[in-house]
Amino acid sequence: MTQVIPPEQACKPDYWDEAVSYLMKRDRILRKIIPEHDGVWLASNKTPFVTLARAIVGQQVSVDTAETTWKKFTALCGSRPTPAKVLEYDVEQLRAAGLAKRKSEYILDLAMHFNEKKVHPAKWSKMSDEEIVDELCSIRGIGRWTAEMFLIFNLHRPDVLPIDDPRLLKAISMHYFSGEPVSRYEAREVAQTWQPWRTVATWYLWRSQESVTD
């Protein structure tokens, strides 16, 4: 019988075990959190376009709301929507499928950028994190946070610190500051210990909040 591997256990980044070992030695909080999530790691089999479209859908809404909206969107555009397929529809049709007007415009702009080759996925493996962020931020609706989510979830870059992510700040507040509000400066200070594996530390802190999405 063929063993079915759950999605969260597939395609482990090649640096993951090294990063876990490093973080367990360097950070007493992560030393407690990481073993609670044994056997799972950062994984994604989504295309760059789908990853970015999902990120746009998920902006400024709860995880549950984002998932509901995504299901409505893919009911119209297919389970793995392509830029060409999305461009078959206009803003009003996407709104009728459940997207807000602005997010409909953003996803159409995203599809146009991919369809007209204004972004260059084939080159991203040789580009720095900041170069990719700059390229992605040329697309309407994609700011630094969305670009960083892409670096983490699609490209699996190992040392991304999404300092504006509210889930990360909440987790740092809870685990390192006894629930007191935490500034971005304080969060960066905590994260210095995690380099060069800030992506991995961030992922486990998200898991500790039970709100991470792949």
C-alpha atoms as a PDB file:
ATOM      1  CA  MET A   1       0.000   0.000   0.000  1.00  0.00           C
ATOM      2  CA  THR A   2       1.331   3.431  -0.922  1.00  0.00           C
ATOM      3  CA  GLN A   3       1.817   5.692   2.055  1.00  0.00           C
ATOM      4  CA  VAL A   4       0.022   9.019   1.773  1.00  0.00           C
ATOM      5  CA  ILE A   5       2.205  11.833   3.083  1.00  0.00           C
ATOM      6  CA  PRO A   6       0.258  14.786   4.511  1.00  0.00           C
ATOM      7  CA  PRO A   7       0.964  18.080   2.718  1.00  0.00           C
ATOM      8  CA  GLU A   8       2.564  19.596   5.810  1.00  0.00           C
ATOM      9  CA  GLN A   9       5.135  16.772   5.830  1.00  0.00           C
ATOM     10  CA  ALA A  10       6.107  17.015   2.167  1.00  0.00           C
ATOM     11  CA  CYS A  11       9.060  18.837   0.641  1.00  0.00           C
ATOM     12  CA  LYS A  12      10.954  19.752   3.794  1.00  0.00           C
ATOM     13  CA  PRO A  13      13.370  22.621   3.057  1.00  0.00           C
ATOM     14  CA  ASP A  14      16.902  21.243   2.956  1.00  0.00           C
ATOM     15  CA  TYR A  15      18.027  23.650   5.675  1.00  0.00           C
ATOM     16  CA  TRP A  16      15.204  22.827   8.114  1.00  0.00           C
ATOM     17  CA  ASP A  17      16.917  20.308  10.391  1.00  0.00           C
ATOM     18  CA  GLU A  18      20.050  22.456  10.667  1.00  0.00           C
ATOM     19  CA  ALA A  19      17.924  25.484  11.515  1.00  0.00           C
ATOM     20  CA  VAL A  20      15.928  23.601  14.154  1.00  0.00           C
ATOM     21  CA  SER A  21      19.110  22.369  15.814  1.00  0.00           C
ATOM     22  CA  TYR A  22      20.561  25.879  15.848  1.00  0.00           C
ATOM     23  CA  LEU A  23      17.413  27.497  17.263  1.00  0.00           C
ATOM     24  CA  MET A  24      16.975  24.841  19.933  1.00  0.00           C
ATOM     25  CA  LYS A  25      20.471  25.632  21.195  1.00  0.00           C
ATOM     26  CA  ARG A  26      20.220  29.405  20.971  1.00  0.00           C
ATOM     27  CA  ASP A  27      16.700  30.245  22.156  1.00  0.00           C
ATOM     28  CA  ARG A  28      15.113  28.919  25.362  1.00  0.00           C
ATOM     29  CA  ILE A  29      11.575  29.766  24.201  1.00  0.00           C
ATOM     30  CA  LEU A  30      11.904  27.949  20.898  1.00  0.00           C
ATOM     31  CA  ARG A  31      13.478  25.043  22.760  1.00  0.00           C
ATOM     32  CA  LYS A  32      10.031  24.528  24.308  1.00  0.00           C
ATOM     33  CA  ILE A  33       7.892  25.355  21.269  1.00  0.00           C
ATOM     34  CA  ILE A  34       9.624  23.356  18.537  1.00  0.00           C
ATOM     35  CA  PRO A  35       9.104  19.878  20.089  1.00  0.00           C
ATOM     36  CA  GLU A  36       5.366  20.607  20.312  1.00  0.00           C
ATOM     37  CA  HIS A  37       5.250  20.624  16.506  1.00  0.00           C
ATOM     38  CA  ASP A  38       7.427  17.635  15.725  1.00  0.00           C
ATOM     39  CA  GLY A  39       7.018  16.099  12.279  1.00  0.00           C
ATOM     40  CA  VAL A  40       5.707  19.187  10.501  1.00  0.00           C
ATOM     41  CA  TRP A  41       7.528  21.970   8.716  1.00  0.00           C
ATOM     42  CA  LEU A  42       7.147  24.755   6.213  1.00  0.00           C
ATOM     43  CA  ALA A  43       5.838  23.337   2.938  1.00  0.00           C
ATOM     44  CA  SER A  44       3.981  24.584  -0.110  1.00  0.00           C
ATOM     45  CA  ASN A  45       3.240  23.161  -3.538  1.00  0.00           C
ATOM     46  CA  LYS A  46       1.448  26.241  -4.836  1.00  0.00           C
ATOM     47  CA  THR A  47       2.545  28.152  -7.923  1.00  0.00           C
ATOM     48  CA  PRO A  48       3.929  31.695  -7.447  1.00  0.00           C
ATOM     49  CA  PHE A  49       0.731  33.175  -8.879  1.00  0.00           C
ATOM     50  CA  VAL A  50      -1.533  31.170  -6.563  1.00  0.00           C
ATOM     51  CA  THR A  51       0.609  31.984  -3.517  1.00  0.00           C
ATOM     52  CA  LEU A  52       0.385  35.709  -4.240  1.00  0.00           C
ATOM     53  CA  ALA A  53      -3.321  35.603  -5.057  1.00  0.00           C
ATOM     54  CA  ARG A  54      -4.009  33.833  -1.762  1.00  0.00           C
ATOM     55  CA  ALA A  55      -1.928  36.421   0.071  1.00  0.00           C
ATOM     56  CA  ILE A  56      -3.998  39.226  -1.452  1.00  0.00           C
ATOM     57  CA  VAL A  57      -7.227  37.480  -0.503  1.00  0.00           C
ATOM     58  CA  GLY A  58      -5.945  37.075   3.050  1.00  0.00           C
ATOM     59  CA  GLN A  59      -4.952  40.694   3.604  1.00  0.00           C
ATOM     60  CA  GLN A  60      -6.549  42.329   6.669  1.00  0.00           C
ATOM     61  CA  VAL A  61      -9.081  39.553   7.284  1.00  0.00           C
ATOM     62  CA  SER A  62      -9.215  36.546   9.578  1.00  0.00           C
ATOM     63  CA  VAL A  63      -7.908  33.161   8.498  1.00  0.00           C
ATOM     64  CA  ASP A  64     -11.468  31.782   8.336  1.00  0.00           C
ATOM     65  CA  THR A  65     -12.726  34.693   6.223  1.00  0.00           C
ATOM     66  CA  ALA A  66      -9.782  34.366   3.859  1.00  0.00           C
ATOM     67  CA  GLU A  67     -10.414  30.645   3.421  1.00  0.00           C
ATOM     68  CA  THR A  68     -14.114  31.180   2.697  1.00  0.00           C
ATOM     69  CA  THR A  69     -13.349  33.895   0.142  1.00  0.00           C
ATOM     70  CA  TRP A  70     -10.667  31.770  -1.508  1.00  0.00           C
ATOM     71  CA  LYS A  71     -13.091  28.871  -1.931  1.00  0.00           C
ATOM     72  CA  LYS A  72     -15.575  31.182  -3.670  1.00  0.00           C
ATOM     73  CA  PHE A  73     -12.844  32.587  -5.892  1.00  0.00           C
ATOM     74  CA  THR A  74     -11.587  29.143  -6.926  1.00  0.00           C
ATOM     75  CA  ALA A  75     -15.133  27.980  -7.571  1.00  0.00           C
ATOM     76  CA  LEU A  76     -15.118  30.571 -10.356  1.00  0.00           C
ATOM     77  CA  CYS A  77     -11.500  30.391 -11.543  1.00  0.00           C
ATOM     78  CA  GLY A  78     -10.563  26.763 -10.824  1.00  0.00           C
ATOM     79  CA  SER A  79      -8.803  25.069  -7.930  1.00  0.00           C
ATOM     80  CA  ARG A  80      -5.378  26.180  -9.225  1.00  0.00           C
ATOM     81  CA  PRO A  81      -6.206  29.429 -11.028  1.00  0.00           C
ATOM     82  CA  THR A  82      -3.857  30.704 -13.708  1.00  0.00           C
ATOM     83  CA  PRO A  83      -3.301  34.317 -14.779  1.00  0.00           C
ATOM     84  CA  ALA A  84      -4.956  33.645 -18.135  1.00  0.00           C
ATOM     85  CA  LYS A  85      -8.032  32.149 -16.467  1.00  0.00           C
ATOM     86  CA  VAL A  86      -8.419  35.032 -14.028  1.00  0.00           C
ATOM     87  CA  LEU A  87      -8.171  37.543 -16.881  1.00  0.00           C
ATOM     88  CA  GLU A  88     -11.276  36.001 -18.422  1.00  0.00           C
ATOM     89  CA  TYR A  89     -13.265  37.862 -15.752  1.00  0.00           C
ATOM     90  CA  ASP A  90     -13.728  41.509 -14.846  1.00  0.00           C
ATOM     91  CA  VAL A  91     -13.969  43.258 -11.492  1.00  0.00           C
ATOM     92  CA  GLU A  92     -17.723  42.868 -11.206  1.00  0.00           C
ATOM     93  CA  GLN A  93     -17.589  39.131 -11.897  1.00  0.00           C
ATOM     94  CA  LEU A  94     -14.890  38.669  -9.265  1.00  0.00           C
ATOM     95  CA  ARG A  95     -16.927  40.731  -6.809  1.00  0.00           C
ATOM     96  CA  ALA A  96     -19.925  38.510  -7.485  1.00  0.00           C
ATOM     97  CA  ALA A  97     -17.701  35.551  -6.592  1.00  0.00           C
ATOM     98  CA  GLY A  98     -17.021  37.041  -3.164  1.00  0.00           C
ATOM     99  CA  LEU A  99     -13.997  39.334  -3.538  1.00  0.00           C
ATOM    100  CA  ALA A 100     -14.084  42.942  -2.411  1.00  0.00           C
ATOM    101  CA  LYS A 101     -13.805  45.507  -5.214  1.00  0.00           C
ATOM    102  CA  ARG A 102     -10.255  46.537  -4.360  1.00  0.00           C
ATOM    103  CA  LYS A 103      -9.018  42.956  -4.018  1.00  0.00           C
ATOM    104  CA  SER A 104     -10.657  42.119  -7.348  1.00  0.00           C
ATOM    105  CA  GLU A 105      -8.643  44.931  -8.921  1.00  0.00           C
ATOM    106  CA  TYR A 106      -5.466  43.750  -7.218  1.00  0.00           C
ATOM    107  CA  ILE A 107      -5.833  40.155  -8.389  1.00  0.00           C
ATOM    108  CA  LEU A 108      -6.503  41.286 -11.947  1.00  0.00           C
ATOM    109  CA  ASP A 109      -3.366  43.450 -11.829  1.00  0.00           C
ATOM    110  CA  LEU A 110      -1.430  40.482 -10.459  1.00  0.00           C
ATOM    111  CA  ALA A 111      -2.690  38.295 -13.306  1.00  0.00           C
ATOM    112  CA  MET A 112      -1.758  40.970 -15.839  1.00  0.00           C
ATOM    113  CA  HIS A 113       1.789  41.232 -14.468  1.00  0.00           C
ATOM    114  CA  PHE A 114       2.276  37.474 -14.795  1.00  0.00           C
ATOM    115  CA  ASN A 115       0.554  37.182 -18.156  1.00  0.00           C
ATOM    116  CA  GLU A 116       2.580  40.024 -19.675  1.00  0.00           C
ATOM    117  CA  LYS A 117       5.829  38.803 -18.064  1.00  0.00           C
ATOM    118  CA  LYS A 118       6.315  41.971 -16.037  1.00  0.00           C
ATOM    119  CA  VAL A 119       7.557  39.765 -13.213  1.00  0.00           C
ATOM    120  CA  HIS A 120      10.260  37.135 -13.673  1.00  0.00           C
ATOM    121  CA  PRO A 121       9.760  33.964 -11.571  1.00  0.00           C
ATOM    122  CA  ALA A 122      12.506  32.104 -13.479  1.00  0.00           C
ATOM    123  CA  LYS A 123      15.074  34.595 -12.178  1.00  0.00           C
ATOM    124  CA  TRP A 124      13.985  34.682  -8.538  1.00  0.00           C
ATOM    125  CA  SER A 125      16.231  31.810  -7.448  1.00  0.00           C
ATOM    126  CA  LYS A 126      19.256  33.975  -8.297  1.00  0.00           C
ATOM    127  CA  MET A 127      17.876  37.207  -6.814  1.00  0.00           C
ATOM    128  CA  SER A 128      18.239  38.491  -3.266  1.00  0.00           C
ATOM    129  CA  ASP A 129      15.277  38.784  -0.932  1.00  0.00           C
ATOM    130  CA  GLU A 130      15.229  42.560  -1.308  1.00  0.00           C
ATOM    131  CA  GLU A 131      15.380  42.406  -5.099  1.00  0.00           C
ATOM    132  CA  ILE A 132      12.349  40.108  -5.137  1.00  0.00           C
ATOM    133  CA  VAL A 133      10.488  42.328  -2.677  1.00  0.00           C
ATOM    134  CA  ASP A 134      11.107  45.334  -4.933  1.00  0.00           C
ATOM    135  CA  GLU A 135       9.839  43.469  -8.006  1.00  0.00           C
ATOM    136  CA  LEU A 136       6.703  42.203  -6.273  1.00  0.00           C
ATOM    137  CA  CYS A 137       5.889  45.595  -4.784  1.00  0.00           C
ATOM    138  CA  SER A 138       5.449  46.960  -8.309  1.00  0.00           C
ATOM    139  CA  ILE A 139       2.145  45.048  -8.394  1.00  0.00           C
ATOM    140  CA  ARG A 140      -0.945  46.798  -7.019  1.00  0.00           C
ATOM    141  CA  GLY A 141      -1.998  45.444  -3.644  1.00  0.00           C
ATOM    142  CA  ILE A 142       1.354  43.874  -2.861  1.00  0.00           C
ATOM    143  CA  GLY A 143       3.331  45.598  -0.157  1.00  0.00           C
ATOM    144  CA  ARG A 144       6.273  44.472   1.875  1.00  0.00           C
ATOM    145  CA  TRP A 145       4.246  42.132   4.126  1.00  0.00           C
ATOM    146  CA  THR A 146       2.753  40.253   1.175  1.00  0.00           C
ATOM    147  CA  ALA A 147       6.134  40.015  -0.525  1.00  0.00           C
ATOM    148  CA  GLU A 148       7.674  38.626   2.668  1.00  0.00           C
ATOM    149  CA  MET A 149       4.911  36.031   2.943  1.00  0.00           C
ATOM    150  CA  PHE A 150       5.828  34.990  -0.579  1.00  0.00           C
ATOM    151  CA  LEU A 151       9.511  34.710   0.295  1.00  0.00           C
ATOM    152  CA  ILE A 152       8.576  32.458   3.204  1.00  0.00           C
ATOM    153  CA  PHE A 153       5.794  30.279   1.850  1.00  0.00           C
ATOM    154  CA  ASN A 154       6.702  29.937  -1.815  1.00  0.00           C
ATOM    155  CA  LEU A 155      10.441  30.466  -2.120  1.00  0.00           C
ATOM    156  CA  HIS A 156      11.231  29.108   1.364  1.00  0.00           C
ATOM    157  CA  ARG A 157      13.903  31.746   1.952  1.00  0.00           C
ATOM    158  CA  PRO A 158      15.501  30.868   5.306  1.00  0.00           C
ATOM    159  CA  ASP A 159      16.083  34.249   6.956  1.00  0.00           C
ATOM    160  CA  VAL A 160      12.954  36.378   6.490  1.00  0.00           C
ATOM    161  CA  LEU A 161      11.641  38.402   9.441  1.00  0.00           C
ATOM    162  CA  PRO A 162       8.159  39.801   8.654  1.00  0.00           C
ATOM    163  CA  ILE A 163       8.375  42.489  11.308  1.00  0.00           C
ATOM    164  CA  ASP A 164       4.966  43.981  10.431  1.00  0.00           C
ATOM    165  CA  ASP A 165       3.125  40.692  10.815  1.00  0.00           C
ATOM    166  CA  PRO A 166       0.639  40.958  13.713  1.00  0.00           C
ATOM    167  CA  ARG A 167       0.726  37.208  14.411  1.00  0.00           C
ATOM    168  CA  LEU A 168       4.486  37.285  14.872  1.00  0.00           C
ATOM    169  CA  LEU A 169       4.358  40.354  17.115  1.00  0.00           C
ATOM    170  CA  LYS A 170       1.614  38.733  19.186  1.00  0.00           C
ATOM    171  CA  ALA A 171       3.652  35.549  19.593  1.00  0.00           C
ATOM    172  CA  ILE A 172       6.781  37.488  20.590  1.00  0.00           C
ATOM    173  CA  SER A 173       4.706  39.493  23.069  1.00  0.00           C
ATOM    174  CA  MET A 174       3.246  36.348  24.608  1.00  0.00           C
ATOM    175  CA  HIS A 175       6.399  34.259  24.802  1.00  0.00           C
ATOM    176  CA  TYR A 176       9.099  36.853  25.437  1.00  0.00           C
ATOM    177  CA  PHE A 177       7.345  39.802  27.136  1.00  0.00           C
ATOM    178  CA  SER A 178       4.672  38.123  29.304  1.00  0.00           C
ATOM    179  CA  GLY A 179       1.906  39.438  27.051  1.00  0.00           C
ATOM    180  CA  GLU A 180       3.005  43.069  27.204  1.00  0.00           C
ATOM    181  CA  PRO A 181       2.867  45.062  23.949  1.00  0.00           C
ATOM    182  CA  VAL A 182       6.054  44.732  21.945  1.00  0.00           C
ATOM    183  CA  SER A 183       7.595  47.296  19.615  1.00  0.00           C
ATOM    184  CA  ARG A 184       9.164  46.419  16.301  1.00  0.00           C
ATOM    185  CA  TYR A 185      12.524  47.424  17.716  1.00  0.00           C
ATOM    186  CA  GLU A 186      12.087  44.960  20.586  1.00  0.00           C
ATOM    187  CA  ALA A 187      10.971  42.249  18.169  1.00  0.00           C
ATOM    188  CA  ARG A 188      14.090  42.790  16.057  1.00  0.00           C
ATOM    189  CA  GLU A 189      16.243  42.554  19.168  1.00  0.00           C
ATOM    190  CA  VAL A 190      14.690  39.183  20.042  1.00  0.00           C
ATOM    191  CA  ALA A 191      15.096  37.972  16.462  1.00  0.00           C
ATOM    192  CA  GLN A 192      18.826  38.698  16.355  1.00  0.00           C
ATOM    193  CA  THR A 193      19.342  35.390  18.139  1.00  0.00           C
ATOM    194  CA  TRP A 194      17.553  33.539  15.339  1.00  0.00           C
ATOM    195  CA  GLN A 195      19.768  34.635  12.429  1.00  0.00           C
ATOM    196  CA  PRO A 196      20.354  33.155   9.884  1.00  0.00           C
ATOM    197  CA  TRP A 197      17.135  31.146  10.390  1.00  0.00           C
ATOM    198  CA  ARG A 198      14.512  33.790  11.152  1.00  0.00           C
ATOM    199  CA  THR A 199      11.999  32.186   8.777  1.00  0.00           C
ATOM    200  CA  VAL A 200      12.061  28.970  10.779  1.00  0.00           C
ATOM    201  CA  ALA A 201      11.733  30.740  14.124  1.00  0.00           C
ATOM    202  CA  THR A 202       8.844  32.798  12.756  1.00  0.00           C
ATOM    203  CA  TRP A 203       7.083  29.688  11.469  1.00  0.00           C
ATOM    204  CA  TYR A 204       7.241  27.962  14.842  1.00  0.00           C
ATOM    205  CA  LEU A 205       6.005  31.069  16.635  1.00  0.00           C
ATOM    206  CA  TRP A 206       3.084  31.196  14.232  1.00  0.00           C
ATOM    207  CA  ARG A 207       2.398  27.554  14.980  1.00  0.00           C
ATOM    208  CA  SER A 208       2.393  28.341  18.679  1.00  0.00           C
ATOM    209  CA  GLN A 209      -0.509  30.728  17.961  1.00  0.00           C
ATOM    210  CA  GLU A 210      -2.324  28.041  15.926  1.00  0.00           C
ATOM    211  CA  SER A 211      -2.983  30.567  13.161  1.00  0.00           C
ATOM    212  CA  VAL A 212      -0.333  29.806  10.563  1.00  0.00           C
ATOM    213  CA  THR A 213      -1.470  29.065   7.011  1.00  0.00           C
ATOM    214  CA  ASP A 214       0.618  27.363   4.366  1.00  0.00           C
END
